[in-house]
Amino acid sequence: MEIKVLGPGCPKCKTLEKLTREVVEQNSIQATITKVEDIMEIMNYNVMSTPALVVNGKVEIKGRVPSAEEIKQILAKY
């Protein structure tokens, strides 16, 4: 599974990255997590408000920080 956290480095972006890493670790999910800070690359996903969570190329969440439980449920679909 490939997970990307999109965001320029704001506090919410850092929180989403931290939460995502915790959920992956706690649930022994095999995943590669990448932090994308390049604005042009973020725009390629049609994301105008960050942070955003992209799983296997699909934008799952944008513009807010979800709960750890919500991240877990999203990742469970994959």
C-alpha atoms as a PDB file:
ATOM      1  CA  MET A   1       0.000   0.000   0.000  1.00  0.00           C
ATOM      2  CA  GLU A   2       1.279   3.448  -0.877  1.00  0.00           C
ATOM      3  CA  ILE A   3       0.174   6.328   1.348  1.00  0.00           C
ATOM      4  CA  LYS A   4       0.922   9.974   0.668  1.00  0.00           C
ATOM      5  CA  VAL A   5       0.298  12.841   3.061  1.00  0.00           C
ATOM      6  CA  LEU A   6      -0.063  16.034   1.036  1.00  0.00           C
ATOM      7  CA  GLY A   7       0.713  19.361   2.667  1.00  0.00           C
ATOM      8  CA  PRO A   8       3.285  22.127   2.751  1.00  0.00           C
ATOM      9  CA  GLY A   9       4.294  21.513   6.370  1.00  0.00           C
ATOM     10  CA  CYS A  10       1.614  23.294   8.382  1.00  0.00           C
ATOM     11  CA  PRO A  11       0.698  21.996  11.876  1.00  0.00           C
ATOM     12  CA  LYS A  12      -2.386  20.147  10.534  1.00  0.00           C
ATOM     13  CA  CYS A  13      -0.279  18.466   7.850  1.00  0.00           C
ATOM     14  CA  LYS A  14       2.227  17.303  10.454  1.00  0.00           C
ATOM     15  CA  THR A  15      -0.598  16.020  12.663  1.00  0.00           C
ATOM     16  CA  LEU A  16      -2.077  13.992   9.783  1.00  0.00           C
ATOM     17  CA  GLU A  17       1.317  12.494   8.968  1.00  0.00           C
ATOM     18  CA  LYS A  18       1.914  11.578  12.643  1.00  0.00           C
ATOM     19  CA  LEU A  19      -1.555  10.035  13.033  1.00  0.00           C
ATOM     20  CA  THR A  20      -1.201   8.058   9.798  1.00  0.00           C
ATOM     21  CA  ARG A  21       2.180   6.658  10.836  1.00  0.00           C
ATOM     22  CA  GLU A  22       0.761   5.675  14.254  1.00  0.00           C
ATOM     23  CA  VAL A  23      -2.249   3.883  12.724  1.00  0.00           C
ATOM     24  CA  VAL A  24      -0.050   1.994  10.248  1.00  0.00           C
ATOM     25  CA  GLU A  25       2.375   0.956  13.008  1.00  0.00           C
ATOM     26  CA  GLN A  26      -0.288  -0.006  15.584  1.00  0.00           C
ATOM     27  CA  ASN A  27      -2.192  -2.157  13.078  1.00  0.00           C
ATOM     28  CA  SER A  28       0.859  -3.744  11.416  1.00  0.00           C
ATOM     29  CA  ILE A  29      -0.196  -2.445   8.001  1.00  0.00           C
ATOM     30  CA  GLN A  30       2.315  -2.952   5.217  1.00  0.00           C
ATOM     31  CA  ALA A  31       2.590   0.533   3.736  1.00  0.00           C
ATOM     32  CA  THR A  32       5.015   3.109   2.431  1.00  0.00           C
ATOM     33  CA  ILE A  33       4.253   6.587   3.775  1.00  0.00           C
ATOM     34  CA  THR A  34       5.529   9.610   1.884  1.00  0.00           C
ATOM     35  CA  LYS A  35       5.153  13.287   2.823  1.00  0.00           C
ATOM     36  CA  VAL A  36       4.545  15.426  -0.269  1.00  0.00           C
ATOM     37  CA  GLU A  37       5.292  19.121   0.227  1.00  0.00           C
ATOM     38  CA  ASP A  38       5.726  20.216  -3.402  1.00  0.00           C
ATOM     39  CA  ILE A  39       2.766  22.457  -4.313  1.00  0.00           C
ATOM     40  CA  MET A  40       2.805  21.424  -7.993  1.00  0.00           C
ATOM     41  CA  GLU A  41       2.664  17.727  -7.067  1.00  0.00           C
ATOM     42  CA  ILE A  42      -0.168  18.407  -4.582  1.00  0.00           C
ATOM     43  CA  MET A  43      -2.096  20.230  -7.311  1.00  0.00           C
ATOM     44  CA  ASN A  44      -1.751  17.165  -9.571  1.00  0.00           C
ATOM     45  CA  TYR A  45      -4.204  15.487  -7.171  1.00  0.00           C
ATOM     46  CA  ASN A  46      -6.680  18.400  -7.554  1.00  0.00           C
ATOM     47  CA  VAL A  47      -6.266  19.177  -3.857  1.00  0.00           C
ATOM     48  CA  MET A  48      -6.816  22.842  -3.077  1.00  0.00           C
ATOM     49  CA  SER A  49      -6.980  22.580   0.718  1.00  0.00           C
ATOM     50  CA  THR A  50      -4.491  20.618   2.758  1.00  0.00           C
ATOM     51  CA  PRO A  51      -3.818  18.366   4.499  1.00  0.00           C
ATOM     52  CA  ALA A  52      -4.829  15.483   2.267  1.00  0.00           C
ATOM     53  CA  LEU A  53      -4.462  11.722   2.539  1.00  0.00           C
ATOM     54  CA  VAL A  54      -3.865   9.759  -0.664  1.00  0.00           C
ATOM     55  CA  VAL A  55      -3.969   5.951  -0.629  1.00  0.00           C
ATOM     56  CA  ASN A  56      -2.784   4.062  -3.724  1.00  0.00           C
ATOM     57  CA  GLY A  57      -3.276   7.181  -5.844  1.00  0.00           C
ATOM     58  CA  LYS A  58      -6.813   7.936  -4.630  1.00  0.00           C
ATOM     59  CA  VAL A  59      -7.529  11.061  -2.555  1.00  0.00           C
ATOM     60  CA  GLU A  60      -9.421   9.829   0.517  1.00  0.00           C
ATOM     61  CA  ILE A  61      -9.419  12.929   2.741  1.00  0.00           C
ATOM     62  CA  LYS A  62      -8.682  16.568   2.043  1.00  0.00           C
ATOM     63  CA  GLY A  63      -8.872  19.804   3.953  1.00  0.00           C
ATOM     64  CA  ARG A  64      -9.100  18.350   7.454  1.00  0.00           C
ATOM     65  CA  VAL A  65      -7.423  16.105  10.009  1.00  0.00           C
ATOM     66  CA  PRO A  66      -9.433  12.898  10.559  1.00  0.00           C
ATOM     67  CA  SER A  67      -9.458  10.827  13.722  1.00  0.00           C
ATOM     68  CA  ALA A  68      -7.117   7.850  14.038  1.00  0.00           C
ATOM     69  CA  GLU A  69     -10.175   5.582  13.854  1.00  0.00           C
ATOM     70  CA  GLU A  70     -11.264   7.148  10.558  1.00  0.00           C
ATOM     71  CA  ILE A  71      -7.772   6.658   9.095  1.00  0.00           C
ATOM     72  CA  LYS A  72      -7.860   3.022  10.232  1.00  0.00           C
ATOM     73  CA  GLN A  73     -11.241   2.479   8.526  1.00  0.00           C
ATOM     74  CA  ILE A  74      -9.997   4.033   5.283  1.00  0.00           C
ATOM     75  CA  LEU A  75      -6.861   1.892   5.243  1.00  0.00           C
ATOM     76  CA  ALA A  76      -8.905  -1.227   6.005  1.00  0.00           C
ATOM     77  CA  LYS A  77     -10.604  -0.845   2.599  1.00  0.00           C
ATOM     78  CA  TYR A  78      -7.273  -1.565   0.941  1.00  0.00           C
END
